[in-house]
Protein backbone atom coordinates (compact mmCIF):
# COMPACT_ATOMS: atom_id res chain seq x y z
CA UNK A 1 71.13 21.06 37.74
CA UNK A 2 72.68 17.72 36.90
CA UNK A 3 70.24 15.89 39.17
CA UNK A 4 67.32 17.36 37.29
CA UNK A 5 68.73 16.41 33.89
CA UNK A 6 69.21 12.88 35.19
CA UNK A 7 65.54 12.82 36.22
CA UNK A 8 64.47 14.00 32.77
CA UNK A 9 66.55 11.27 31.13
CA UNK A 10 65.08 8.69 33.51
CA UNK A 11 61.54 9.84 32.69
CA UNK A 12 62.05 9.42 28.93
CA UNK A 13 61.31 5.65 28.89
CA UNK A 14 58.17 6.27 30.95
CA UNK A 15 57.12 8.98 28.51
CA UNK A 16 57.61 6.59 25.61
CA UNK A 17 55.66 3.91 27.45
CA UNK A 18 52.80 6.38 27.93
CA UNK A 19 52.72 7.23 24.24
CA UNK A 20 52.81 3.56 23.29
CA UNK A 21 50.05 2.75 25.77
CA UNK A 22 47.82 5.45 24.31
CA UNK A 23 48.24 4.06 20.81
CA UNK A 24 46.34 0.98 21.94
CA UNK A 25 42.64 1.92 21.94
CA UNK A 26 40.37 1.33 24.90
CA UNK A 27 38.91 -2.17 24.26
CA UNK A 28 35.41 -2.13 22.79
CA UNK A 29 34.31 -4.70 25.36
CA UNK A 30 35.41 -2.42 28.22
CA UNK A 31 33.74 0.58 26.59
CA UNK A 32 30.49 -1.36 26.27
CA UNK A 33 30.72 -2.35 29.94
CA UNK A 34 31.40 1.26 30.89
CA UNK A 35 28.26 2.42 29.06
CA UNK A 36 26.22 -0.37 30.69
CA UNK A 37 27.36 0.63 34.18
CA UNK A 38 26.84 4.33 33.39
CA UNK A 39 23.10 3.69 33.37
CA UNK A 40 23.29 2.92 37.09
CA UNK A 41 26.33 4.81 38.36
CA UNK A 42 27.79 8.24 37.59
CA UNK A 43 30.15 8.02 34.61
CA UNK A 44 32.75 10.33 36.18
CA UNK A 45 32.90 8.12 39.26
CA UNK A 46 33.34 5.01 37.11
CA UNK A 47 36.23 6.63 35.23
CA UNK A 48 38.00 7.58 38.45
CA UNK A 49 38.11 3.88 39.37
CA UNK A 50 40.22 3.09 36.28
CA UNK A 51 44.01 2.93 36.31
CA UNK A 52 45.96 5.87 34.87
CA UNK A 53 46.39 4.51 31.33
CA UNK A 54 42.82 3.18 31.07
CA UNK A 55 41.47 6.49 32.35
CA UNK A 56 43.11 8.42 29.49
CA UNK A 57 42.16 5.79 26.89
CA UNK A 58 38.56 5.68 28.14
CA UNK A 59 38.34 9.48 28.04
CA UNK A 60 39.54 9.48 24.44
CA UNK A 61 37.26 6.60 23.48
CA UNK A 62 34.24 8.55 24.72
CA UNK A 63 35.02 11.36 22.26
CA UNK A 64 34.08 8.96 19.45
CA UNK A 65 30.59 8.60 20.96
CA UNK A 66 29.34 12.03 22.16
CA UNK A 67 25.69 11.21 21.49
CA UNK A 68 25.47 8.08 23.63
CA UNK A 69 27.85 9.49 26.28
CA UNK A 70 25.71 12.58 26.78
CA UNK A 71 22.52 10.50 26.82
CA UNK A 72 23.95 8.26 29.56
CA UNK A 73 25.06 11.26 31.62
CA UNK A 74 21.61 12.85 31.44
CA UNK A 75 19.69 9.63 32.12
CA UNK A 76 21.75 8.77 35.21
CA UNK A 77 21.60 12.35 36.45
CA UNK A 78 17.81 12.46 36.23
CA UNK A 79 17.45 8.97 37.77
CA UNK A 80 19.55 9.98 40.77
CA UNK A 81 17.62 13.24 41.31
CA UNK A 82 14.08 12.03 40.69
CA UNK A 83 13.09 12.23 44.37
CA UNK A 84 14.48 15.73 44.94
CA UNK A 85 12.33 18.86 45.12
CA UNK A 86 13.21 19.85 41.56
CA UNK A 87 12.96 16.24 40.36
CA UNK A 88 9.37 16.05 41.56
CA UNK A 89 8.60 19.49 40.13
CA UNK A 90 9.61 18.41 36.63
CA UNK A 91 8.66 14.73 36.94
CA UNK A 92 12.17 13.39 36.36
CA UNK A 93 11.09 9.79 37.00
CA UNK A 94 8.93 9.79 33.87
CA UNK A 95 11.47 11.42 31.52
CA UNK A 96 12.66 8.77 29.07
CA UNK A 97 14.50 10.80 26.42
CA UNK A 98 16.36 14.02 25.71
CA UNK A 99 13.32 15.35 23.87
CA UNK A 100 11.08 14.72 26.91
CA UNK A 101 13.65 16.44 29.11
CA UNK A 102 13.49 19.51 26.87
CA UNK A 103 9.69 19.44 26.84
CA UNK A 104 9.32 19.26 30.63
CA UNK A 105 12.26 21.39 31.81
CA UNK A 106 12.44 25.02 30.61
CA UNK A 107 15.64 26.99 29.99
CA UNK A 108 16.70 28.65 33.23
CA UNK A 109 18.79 31.46 34.73
CA UNK A 110 20.24 32.03 38.20
CA UNK A 111 17.03 33.63 39.42
CA UNK A 112 15.37 30.20 39.09
CA UNK A 113 17.85 28.71 41.60
CA UNK A 114 18.44 31.42 44.16
CA UNK A 115 15.67 30.24 46.51
CA UNK A 116 16.84 26.61 46.23
CA UNK A 117 20.43 27.70 46.93
CA UNK A 118 19.30 29.53 50.07
CA UNK A 119 17.54 26.39 51.32
CA UNK A 120 20.61 24.26 50.67
CA UNK A 121 22.73 26.83 52.49
CA UNK A 122 20.58 26.28 55.57
CA UNK A 123 21.45 22.58 55.45
CA UNK A 124 18.36 21.16 53.73
CA UNK A 125 18.74 17.96 51.69
CA UNK A 126 17.42 16.61 48.39
CA UNK A 127 16.58 20.00 46.88
CA UNK A 128 18.42 20.18 43.54
CA UNK A 129 20.35 16.92 43.87
CA UNK A 130 20.50 13.95 46.26
CA UNK A 131 21.76 14.83 49.73
CA UNK A 132 23.16 18.08 51.08
CA UNK A 133 25.39 20.61 49.37
CA UNK A 134 29.09 20.03 50.10
CA UNK A 135 30.32 23.49 49.07
CA UNK A 136 29.14 26.79 47.63
CA UNK A 137 31.09 28.64 44.93
CA UNK A 138 30.90 32.39 45.43
CA UNK A 139 30.87 34.30 42.17
CA UNK A 140 29.67 37.69 40.97
CA UNK A 141 26.33 37.83 39.22
CA UNK A 142 24.81 40.25 36.75
CA UNK A 143 23.96 42.55 39.65
CA UNK A 144 26.03 43.74 42.58
CA UNK A 145 25.03 40.66 44.54
CA UNK A 146 27.06 37.47 44.76
CA UNK A 147 25.74 34.17 43.49
CA UNK A 148 26.39 31.09 45.60
CA UNK A 149 26.54 28.07 43.30
CA UNK A 150 25.92 24.84 45.25
CA UNK A 151 28.13 21.81 44.73
CA UNK A 152 27.01 18.26 45.41
CA UNK A 153 29.20 15.28 46.21
CA UNK A 154 28.54 14.04 42.68
CA UNK A 155 29.52 17.37 41.11
CA UNK A 156 32.77 17.17 43.09
CA UNK A 157 33.50 13.80 41.44
CA UNK A 158 32.74 15.25 37.99
CA UNK A 159 35.17 18.12 38.55
CA UNK A 160 37.82 15.77 39.92
CA UNK A 161 37.57 13.53 36.83
CA UNK A 162 37.78 16.52 34.51
CA UNK A 163 40.79 17.92 36.42
CA UNK A 164 42.51 14.54 36.19
CA UNK A 165 41.87 14.47 32.44
CA UNK A 166 43.32 17.95 32.00
CA UNK A 167 46.44 17.07 33.98
CA UNK A 168 46.89 13.82 32.06
CA UNK A 169 46.58 15.50 28.68
CA UNK A 170 49.07 18.20 29.76
CA UNK A 171 51.55 15.42 30.50
CA UNK A 172 50.92 13.86 27.10
CA UNK A 173 51.56 17.19 25.34
CA UNK A 174 54.51 18.39 27.44
CA UNK A 175 56.20 15.19 28.78
CA UNK A 176 56.30 13.73 32.28
CA UNK A 177 59.15 16.08 33.17
CA UNK A 178 56.66 18.95 33.09
CA UNK A 179 55.25 17.96 36.48
CA UNK A 180 58.64 17.86 38.25
CA UNK A 181 58.17 21.23 40.02
CA UNK A 182 55.12 23.39 39.30
CA UNK A 183 54.65 27.12 39.88
CA UNK A 184 50.89 27.58 40.20
CA UNK A 185 48.68 30.54 41.03
CA UNK A 186 46.09 30.22 43.77
CA UNK A 187 43.61 32.60 45.30
CA UNK A 188 42.94 32.65 49.00
CA UNK A 189 40.55 29.93 49.99
CA UNK A 190 38.57 32.69 51.71
CA UNK A 191 36.31 30.07 53.25
CA UNK A 192 33.41 30.94 55.49
CA UNK A 193 30.35 28.95 56.49
CA UNK A 194 26.72 29.16 55.50
CA UNK A 195 23.92 29.25 58.03
CA UNK A 196 23.82 25.45 57.82
CA UNK A 197 27.54 25.04 58.43
CA UNK A 198 28.52 24.34 54.80
CA UNK A 199 31.79 25.88 53.51
CA UNK A 200 31.72 28.44 50.74
CA UNK A 201 34.39 30.35 48.83
CA UNK A 202 35.77 31.08 45.37
CA UNK A 203 36.40 28.46 42.69
CA UNK A 204 40.05 29.48 42.29
CA UNK A 205 40.57 29.39 46.04
CA UNK A 206 39.37 25.81 46.08
CA UNK A 207 41.63 24.67 43.23
CA UNK A 208 44.18 22.89 45.47
CA UNK A 209 41.43 20.68 46.90
CA UNK A 210 40.53 19.40 43.42
CA UNK A 211 44.10 18.62 42.39
CA UNK A 212 45.70 15.20 42.55
CA UNK A 213 47.74 14.71 45.74
CA UNK A 214 50.83 13.79 43.73
CA UNK A 215 50.69 17.10 41.86
CA UNK A 216 50.25 19.07 45.08
CA UNK A 217 53.51 17.59 46.38
CA UNK A 218 55.29 19.05 43.37
CA UNK A 219 54.21 22.65 43.90
CA UNK A 220 57.08 25.12 43.90
CA UNK A 221 55.62 27.01 46.88
CA UNK A 222 53.02 26.14 49.47
CA UNK A 223 49.45 27.43 48.93
CA UNK A 224 49.67 28.48 52.60
CA UNK A 225 51.68 31.50 51.41
CA UNK A 226 48.53 32.81 49.75
CA UNK A 227 46.66 32.43 53.03
CA UNK A 228 49.23 34.39 55.09
CA UNK A 229 50.20 37.25 52.75
CA UNK A 230 48.59 39.68 50.36
CA UNK A 231 49.45 42.34 47.80
CA UNK A 232 53.21 43.04 47.45
CA UNK A 233 54.12 40.89 50.43
CA UNK A 234 52.43 37.94 48.73
CA UNK A 235 54.23 38.57 45.44
CA UNK A 236 57.55 38.80 47.25
CA UNK A 237 57.05 35.56 49.18
CA UNK A 238 55.85 33.62 46.12
CA UNK A 239 59.03 34.52 44.25
CA UNK A 240 61.33 34.28 47.28
CA UNK A 241 60.26 30.70 47.98
CA UNK A 242 60.37 29.66 44.32
CA UNK A 243 63.47 31.37 42.92
CA UNK A 244 65.58 29.25 45.24
CA UNK A 245 64.90 26.38 42.79
CA UNK A 246 66.35 26.16 39.28
CA UNK A 247 64.26 23.14 38.30
CA UNK A 248 60.77 24.65 37.94
CA UNK A 249 59.27 22.91 34.91
CA UNK A 250 55.70 24.21 34.65
CA UNK A 251 53.72 27.41 35.23
CA UNK A 252 49.95 27.27 35.74
CA UNK A 253 48.61 30.77 36.04
CA UNK A 254 45.38 31.38 34.07
CA UNK A 255 46.08 35.06 33.32
CA UNK A 256 49.46 35.61 31.63
CA UNK A 257 49.42 39.29 32.59
CA UNK A 258 49.62 38.36 36.26
CA UNK A 259 52.73 36.24 35.68
CA UNK A 260 54.35 39.00 33.63
CA UNK A 261 53.74 41.40 36.51
CA UNK A 262 55.30 38.94 38.96
CA UNK A 263 58.40 38.55 36.79
CA UNK A 264 58.98 42.30 36.66
CA UNK A 265 58.22 42.58 40.38
CA UNK A 266 60.88 39.95 41.14
CA UNK A 267 63.42 41.82 39.03
CA UNK A 268 62.66 45.06 40.88
CA UNK A 269 63.19 43.31 44.25
CA UNK A 270 65.93 40.96 43.07
CA UNK A 271 68.64 42.14 45.48
CA UNK A 272 66.42 41.53 48.53
CA UNK A 273 65.24 38.14 47.24
CA UNK A 274 68.80 37.03 46.45
CA UNK A 275 70.02 38.06 49.90
CA UNK A 276 67.17 36.12 51.55
CA UNK A 277 68.09 33.06 49.50
CA UNK A 278 71.76 33.44 50.36
CA UNK A 279 71.12 33.59 54.11
CA UNK A 280 68.02 31.35 54.29
CA UNK A 281 65.98 34.23 55.69
CA UNK A 282 62.62 35.77 54.94
CA UNK A 283 61.89 39.47 54.61
CA UNK A 284 58.45 38.94 56.10
CA UNK A 285 57.61 36.85 59.20
CA UNK A 286 56.01 33.45 58.60
CA UNK A 287 53.91 31.16 60.77
CA UNK A 288 55.52 28.03 62.18
CA UNK A 289 53.27 25.96 59.92
CA UNK A 290 54.54 27.76 56.82
CA UNK A 291 58.15 27.60 57.99
CA UNK A 292 57.85 23.83 58.23
CA UNK A 293 56.25 23.61 54.77
CA UNK A 294 58.98 25.80 53.26
CA UNK A 295 61.92 24.38 55.22
CA UNK A 296 63.81 23.38 52.06
CA UNK A 297 63.39 26.83 50.52
CA UNK A 298 64.55 28.45 53.78
CA UNK A 299 67.90 26.69 53.92
CA UNK A 300 70.87 29.02 53.24
CA UNK A 301 71.79 28.64 49.57
CA UNK A 302 74.78 30.81 48.61
CA UNK A 303 75.36 28.83 45.40
CA UNK A 304 71.88 29.58 44.05
CA UNK A 305 72.16 33.17 45.24
CA UNK A 306 75.37 33.57 43.23
CA UNK A 307 73.70 32.12 40.11
CA UNK A 308 70.86 34.64 40.45
CA UNK A 309 73.26 37.50 41.15
CA UNK A 310 75.15 36.71 37.95
CA UNK A 311 71.89 36.70 35.94
CA UNK A 312 70.95 40.06 37.45
CA UNK A 313 74.33 41.57 36.49
CA UNK A 314 73.89 40.27 32.92
CA UNK A 315 70.32 41.64 32.71
CA UNK A 316 68.96 38.09 32.40
CA UNK A 317 66.80 38.03 35.52
CA UNK A 318 63.80 36.36 33.83
CA UNK A 319 62.45 32.77 33.86
CA UNK A 320 64.10 32.15 30.50
CA UNK A 321 67.38 32.03 32.42
CA UNK A 322 66.59 31.31 36.08
CA UNK A 323 64.10 28.52 35.20
CA UNK A 324 65.66 27.20 31.96
CA UNK A 325 63.91 23.83 32.24
CA UNK A 326 60.37 25.17 31.88
CA UNK A 327 58.51 22.72 29.64
CA UNK A 328 54.82 23.52 30.11
CA UNK A 329 53.06 26.87 30.41
CA UNK A 330 49.39 27.03 31.32
CA UNK A 331 47.38 30.21 30.75
CA UNK A 332 44.10 31.11 29.14
CA UNK A 333 45.10 31.37 25.49
CA UNK A 334 41.76 32.69 24.21
CA UNK A 335 39.23 35.34 25.09
CA UNK A 336 40.16 38.91 25.96
CA UNK A 337 42.91 37.74 28.36
CA UNK A 338 44.66 35.65 25.70
CA UNK A 339 46.20 38.76 24.16
CA UNK A 340 48.67 38.94 27.07
CA UNK A 341 50.33 35.60 26.24
CA UNK A 342 52.48 37.07 23.45
CA UNK A 343 53.96 39.54 25.93
CA UNK A 344 55.26 36.80 28.23
CA UNK A 345 56.72 34.51 25.55
CA UNK A 346 59.92 36.55 25.32
CA UNK A 347 60.46 36.10 29.07
CA UNK A 348 60.19 32.28 29.05
CA UNK A 349 62.30 29.53 27.44
CA UNK A 350 61.62 29.03 23.74
CA UNK A 351 61.23 25.25 24.17
CA UNK A 352 58.28 25.63 26.57
CA UNK A 353 54.91 24.45 25.27
CA UNK A 354 51.81 26.56 25.90
CA UNK A 355 48.71 24.55 26.81
CA UNK A 356 45.45 26.28 27.70
CA UNK A 357 44.41 25.72 31.32
CA UNK A 358 40.86 24.98 30.23
CA UNK A 359 37.56 26.76 29.89
CA UNK A 360 35.10 26.79 32.75
CA UNK A 361 33.27 28.82 35.34
CA UNK A 362 32.06 28.52 38.91
CA UNK A 363 29.08 26.59 37.54
CA UNK A 364 31.10 23.94 35.70
CA UNK A 365 34.42 23.06 34.06
CA UNK A 366 33.75 22.51 30.39
CA UNK A 367 36.60 21.51 28.05
CA UNK A 368 39.87 19.54 28.12
CA UNK A 369 42.74 21.11 26.11
CA UNK A 370 44.78 18.43 24.32
CA UNK A 371 47.13 20.44 22.07
CA UNK A 372 49.56 23.34 22.42
CA UNK A 373 48.96 26.93 21.36
CA UNK A 374 45.18 26.74 21.11
CA UNK A 375 42.39 27.49 23.60
CA UNK A 376 40.24 24.80 21.98
CA UNK A 377 39.74 21.40 23.56
CA UNK A 378 37.12 18.67 23.36
CA UNK A 379 33.94 19.21 25.31
CA UNK A 380 34.04 17.30 28.59
CA UNK A 381 31.11 15.11 27.65
CA UNK A 382 31.40 12.85 30.71
CA UNK A 383 31.12 15.56 33.40
CA UNK A 384 27.97 17.52 32.43
CA UNK A 385 25.14 17.53 29.88
CA UNK A 386 25.21 20.33 27.32
CA UNK A 387 22.96 22.06 24.84
CA UNK A 388 23.92 24.84 22.44
CA UNK A 389 21.83 27.72 21.10
CA UNK A 390 23.06 28.83 17.65
CA UNK A 391 24.38 32.40 17.54
CA UNK A 392 21.72 33.29 14.99
CA UNK A 393 19.01 31.79 17.21
CA UNK A 394 16.86 28.68 16.92
CA UNK A 395 16.31 25.48 18.87
CA UNK A 396 19.14 24.23 21.11
CA UNK A 397 21.43 21.59 19.60
CA UNK A 398 23.30 18.68 21.19
CA UNK A 399 27.07 18.23 21.23
CA UNK A 400 27.18 15.89 18.24
CA UNK A 401 25.06 18.31 16.18
CA UNK A 402 27.46 21.28 16.25
CA UNK A 403 29.23 22.57 13.14
CA UNK A 404 32.87 23.50 12.77
CA UNK A 405 33.60 27.22 12.75
CA UNK A 406 30.30 28.30 14.27
CA UNK A 407 29.43 30.09 17.51
CA UNK A 408 26.90 28.95 20.10
CA UNK A 409 25.54 29.99 23.47
CA UNK A 410 26.15 27.15 25.92
CA UNK A 411 23.41 25.70 28.17
CA UNK A 412 24.42 23.53 31.16
CA UNK A 413 22.86 20.65 33.07
CA UNK A 414 25.17 19.63 35.91
CA UNK A 415 25.53 17.29 38.86
CA UNK A 416 25.47 20.49 40.92
CA UNK A 417 21.75 20.92 40.34
CA UNK A 418 21.61 23.28 37.36
CA UNK A 419 19.15 22.16 34.69
CA UNK A 420 19.17 23.75 31.22
CA UNK A 421 21.03 26.71 32.70
CA UNK A 422 21.97 29.60 30.42
CA UNK A 423 25.55 30.42 31.34
CA UNK A 424 25.52 33.48 29.05
CA UNK A 425 28.78 32.33 27.44
CA UNK A 426 29.37 32.22 23.71
CA UNK A 427 31.67 29.40 22.56
CA UNK A 428 33.37 28.74 19.22
CA UNK A 429 33.81 25.31 17.59
CA UNK A 430 37.27 24.62 16.19
CA UNK A 431 37.36 21.15 14.71
CA UNK A 432 36.64 17.85 16.43
CA UNK A 433 38.33 15.21 18.55
CA UNK A 434 36.75 12.03 17.30
CA UNK A 435 33.15 13.17 16.87
CA UNK A 436 33.22 15.56 19.86
CA UNK A 437 33.52 19.28 19.12
CA UNK A 438 36.63 21.16 20.22
CA UNK A 439 35.35 24.34 21.83
CA UNK A 440 36.70 27.45 23.45
CA UNK A 441 35.23 30.44 25.24
CA UNK A 442 34.67 33.31 22.84
CA UNK A 443 32.91 35.96 24.89
CA UNK A 444 30.12 36.57 27.34
CA UNK A 445 26.90 37.11 25.48
CA UNK A 446 26.84 40.50 27.20
CA UNK A 447 30.43 41.25 26.05
CA UNK A 448 29.33 41.98 22.50
CA UNK A 449 29.32 45.30 20.64
CA UNK A 450 25.82 45.59 19.22
CA UNK A 451 24.74 49.16 18.56
CA UNK A 452 23.20 48.40 15.17
CA UNK A 453 22.96 44.59 15.03
CA UNK A 454 26.67 44.27 14.14
CA UNK A 455 27.18 41.78 17.04
CA UNK A 456 30.98 41.89 17.30
CA UNK A 457 32.35 39.75 20.18
CA UNK A 458 34.63 41.66 22.52
CA UNK A 459 37.48 39.21 21.92
CA UNK A 460 37.51 40.04 18.18
CA UNK A 461 37.49 43.76 18.92
CA UNK A 462 40.40 43.30 21.31
CA UNK A 463 42.42 41.38 18.73
CA UNK A 464 41.86 44.03 16.05
CA UNK A 465 42.74 46.88 18.42
CA UNK A 466 45.90 45.16 19.63
CA UNK A 467 47.10 44.54 16.06
CA UNK A 468 46.56 48.19 15.18
CA UNK A 469 48.39 49.47 18.25
CA UNK A 470 51.38 47.18 17.70
CA UNK A 471 51.57 47.90 13.95
CA UNK A 472 51.69 51.61 14.86
CA UNK A 473 54.79 51.02 16.96
CA UNK A 474 53.30 51.21 20.45
CA UNK A 475 53.36 48.67 23.24
CA UNK A 476 49.82 47.42 23.89
CA UNK A 477 48.61 47.02 27.47
CA UNK A 478 44.82 46.79 27.34
CA UNK A 479 41.67 48.23 25.81
CA UNK A 480 37.95 48.59 26.44
CA UNK A 481 35.27 49.75 24.03
CA UNK A 482 32.42 52.02 25.08
CA UNK A 483 29.50 51.57 22.68
CA UNK A 484 27.70 54.92 22.74
CA UNK A 485 24.05 54.69 21.67
CA UNK A 486 23.68 58.49 21.62
CA UNK A 487 26.28 58.95 18.88
CA UNK A 488 26.07 55.40 17.44
CA UNK A 489 29.83 55.08 17.64
CA UNK A 490 32.58 53.29 19.56
CA UNK A 491 34.97 55.02 21.94
CA UNK A 492 38.08 52.86 22.09
CA UNK A 493 39.87 53.35 25.40
CA UNK A 494 43.51 52.22 25.17
CA UNK A 495 46.49 52.08 27.49
CA UNK A 496 49.78 51.98 25.55
CA UNK A 497 53.42 52.27 26.61
CA UNK A 498 53.58 55.83 25.25
CA UNK A 499 51.17 58.48 24.06
CA UNK A 500 50.70 58.92 20.28
CA UNK A 501 52.05 62.27 19.08
CA UNK A 502 49.16 62.82 16.65
CA UNK A 503 46.02 61.39 18.21
CA UNK A 504 43.74 62.34 15.30
CA UNK A 505 46.00 60.52 12.82
CA UNK A 506 46.09 57.50 15.12
CA UNK A 507 42.29 57.64 15.30
CA UNK A 508 42.09 57.49 11.49
CA UNK A 509 44.46 54.51 11.49
CA UNK A 510 42.27 52.74 14.06
CA UNK A 511 39.12 53.42 12.04
CA UNK A 512 40.67 52.07 8.85
CA UNK A 513 41.98 49.03 10.68
CA UNK A 514 38.62 48.14 12.26
CA UNK A 515 36.98 48.25 8.84
CA UNK A 516 39.78 46.13 7.38
CA UNK A 517 39.90 43.54 10.20
CA UNK A 518 36.20 43.20 11.06
CA UNK A 519 33.63 42.52 8.35
CA UNK A 520 30.77 43.22 10.77
CA UNK A 521 32.14 46.66 11.58
CA UNK A 522 32.74 47.55 7.93
CA UNK A 523 29.25 46.41 6.89
CA UNK A 524 27.44 48.40 9.58
CA UNK A 525 29.84 51.36 9.49
CA UNK A 526 28.37 52.53 6.20
CA UNK A 527 24.80 51.97 7.36
CA UNK A 528 24.29 52.90 11.01
CA UNK A 529 27.63 53.34 12.80
CA UNK A 530 29.63 56.55 12.90
CA UNK A 531 33.43 56.88 13.03
CA UNK A 532 35.10 55.60 16.19
CA UNK A 533 36.85 57.84 18.72
CA UNK A 534 39.94 57.18 20.82
CA UNK A 535 40.64 57.77 24.50
CA UNK A 536 44.25 57.35 25.59
CA UNK A 537 44.33 56.17 29.18
CA UNK A 538 46.88 57.02 31.86
CA UNK A 539 49.56 54.59 33.04
CA UNK A 540 48.20 52.23 35.67
CA UNK A 541 44.72 51.91 34.20
CA UNK A 542 45.17 48.19 33.49
CA UNK A 543 46.23 47.53 37.08
CA UNK A 544 43.18 49.41 38.33
CA UNK A 545 40.91 47.31 36.10
CA UNK A 546 42.50 44.08 37.30
CA UNK A 547 41.98 45.07 40.93
CA UNK A 548 38.39 46.05 40.22
CA UNK A 549 37.51 42.79 38.49
CA UNK A 550 39.52 40.60 40.86
CA UNK A 551 36.76 41.07 43.45
CA UNK A 552 39.34 41.65 46.17
CA UNK A 553 41.41 38.49 45.57
CA UNK A 554 45.06 39.39 46.10
CA UNK A 555 46.47 37.10 43.44
CA UNK A 556 43.81 37.99 40.87
CA UNK A 557 44.37 34.57 39.31
CA UNK A 558 40.96 34.50 37.66
CA UNK A 559 40.69 38.07 36.35
CA UNK A 560 38.60 38.53 33.21
CA UNK A 561 38.17 42.15 32.17
CA UNK A 562 35.20 42.81 29.86
CA UNK A 563 36.03 44.45 26.55
CA UNK A 564 32.67 46.03 25.77
CA UNK A 565 31.47 48.53 28.38
CA UNK A 566 28.23 50.49 28.75
CA UNK A 567 29.73 53.71 30.13
CA UNK A 568 32.99 55.60 29.78
CA UNK A 569 35.77 54.95 32.32
CA UNK A 570 36.26 57.44 35.14
CA UNK A 571 37.48 60.77 33.76
CA UNK A 572 40.48 60.71 36.11
CA UNK A 573 41.98 57.90 34.01
CA UNK A 574 41.55 59.60 30.62
CA UNK A 575 44.72 61.31 29.42
CA UNK A 576 43.41 62.57 26.08
CA UNK A 577 40.34 61.90 23.93
CA UNK A 578 39.38 62.75 20.35
CA UNK A 579 35.89 63.79 21.43
């Protein structure tokens, strides 16, 4: 423990130097040169050539100029792709302005790209972007079929620059000590090959490849563990190979519920884990490759085992005590999954700072969180081109035209060959960094309760339901809302830690709370909506939903469960219902 404290003390001057360096703005001359070069070379690539301090200062300088930054990104993107199939289709070489781009290129959906993606998968070149695809991101679509989102070499550079910016800003918020030893969630790479020999897999499974090499060296356990184990064996090995260390300083896990489950799993299996740590053994067999990667964790460590045993006896077997130096916690803090963050706070050290891991999708990574305890972060204006359709409808707006406090549907143009692509995500603007809007994911445009034009985002419904459950004295686990067009009413399906004794009374409380918390519900409740109903779900429903929406990934690191549903859950999960 002393060694780690010494390292923290040693890092303090470097931390101060970083803060001092960032107080000096990026020189105007250098910014002008950067914009000049961005007309000929990809802006993300230019930024990656800068030293560490200049990279962060340049990133922040760009936030003062979203209009010109976005214009440069679009112009260079179109110039580079003018001789591609899609570039010739839409006459990219003769587009001179954003307005001309909008006139010639229509709004699009995945169906407009599926044929092009199939051609790229066969190994064809110069279809949506210059050259061949370098990777395909497998993600679920609006149907049962998978979408395979192509990535170009240039899109890879854009994602790398954005990832570097996120990591740098996390350091600024949390201190350099936060990257000493990092516990991070990964999905299996699950890589296979297309017909043309191009790798494809999930975005979360590819995360290690996009990370900085220095950060990868600081991981608390090897990503190879995720490749060799699954389900409970995976959970055991993740914690077995990490609990041996007392100097874990950061957790990066996307979904806080998954980390909470791991913490309780480790407590349940604590005696076995402690004995493995004491002897330097492993409950489950490992490959020689993994043994070599985990050789430090596999050394007999009776001293650490005794520390953990003492915590277990004192009922303190949580990260608050076995990882007391945690400084930075990364989860999604917004959306329907953000409700689980409050549950984990009591298990982690009070001094830890919570920084959102960032909003994005398989199609693109979109914002860069720069402050603690908020999902909002400035739009990554150097890595893609964006348009925004106002929630109430109308012509798409540009980044510098957005208004604080308003909601918009986001439209993407990327280096991965998507042009004016409707992601079907609704974002919210929460202030500005410089002149660039701070945004966060609010809901899928399909995850909206809209029986009678009330248009209530699922995330707001989830927040109101959780507040009601907790005020009523129950532990909240999860909820979904079935919007029933036949009865013009909501059926709120809830899993709590115990069943309400008087379900009808609880239903009345929920109804009153929805009207109190949600103006949209109250306004339409008296006009077209009928009283809500409640369905109390059986224990284990949340876990079943997470497995269902994890698409078979053992770690479920990217699970997003929709709030608004179009049909009732399976009857086998319903314990009691007011209907």
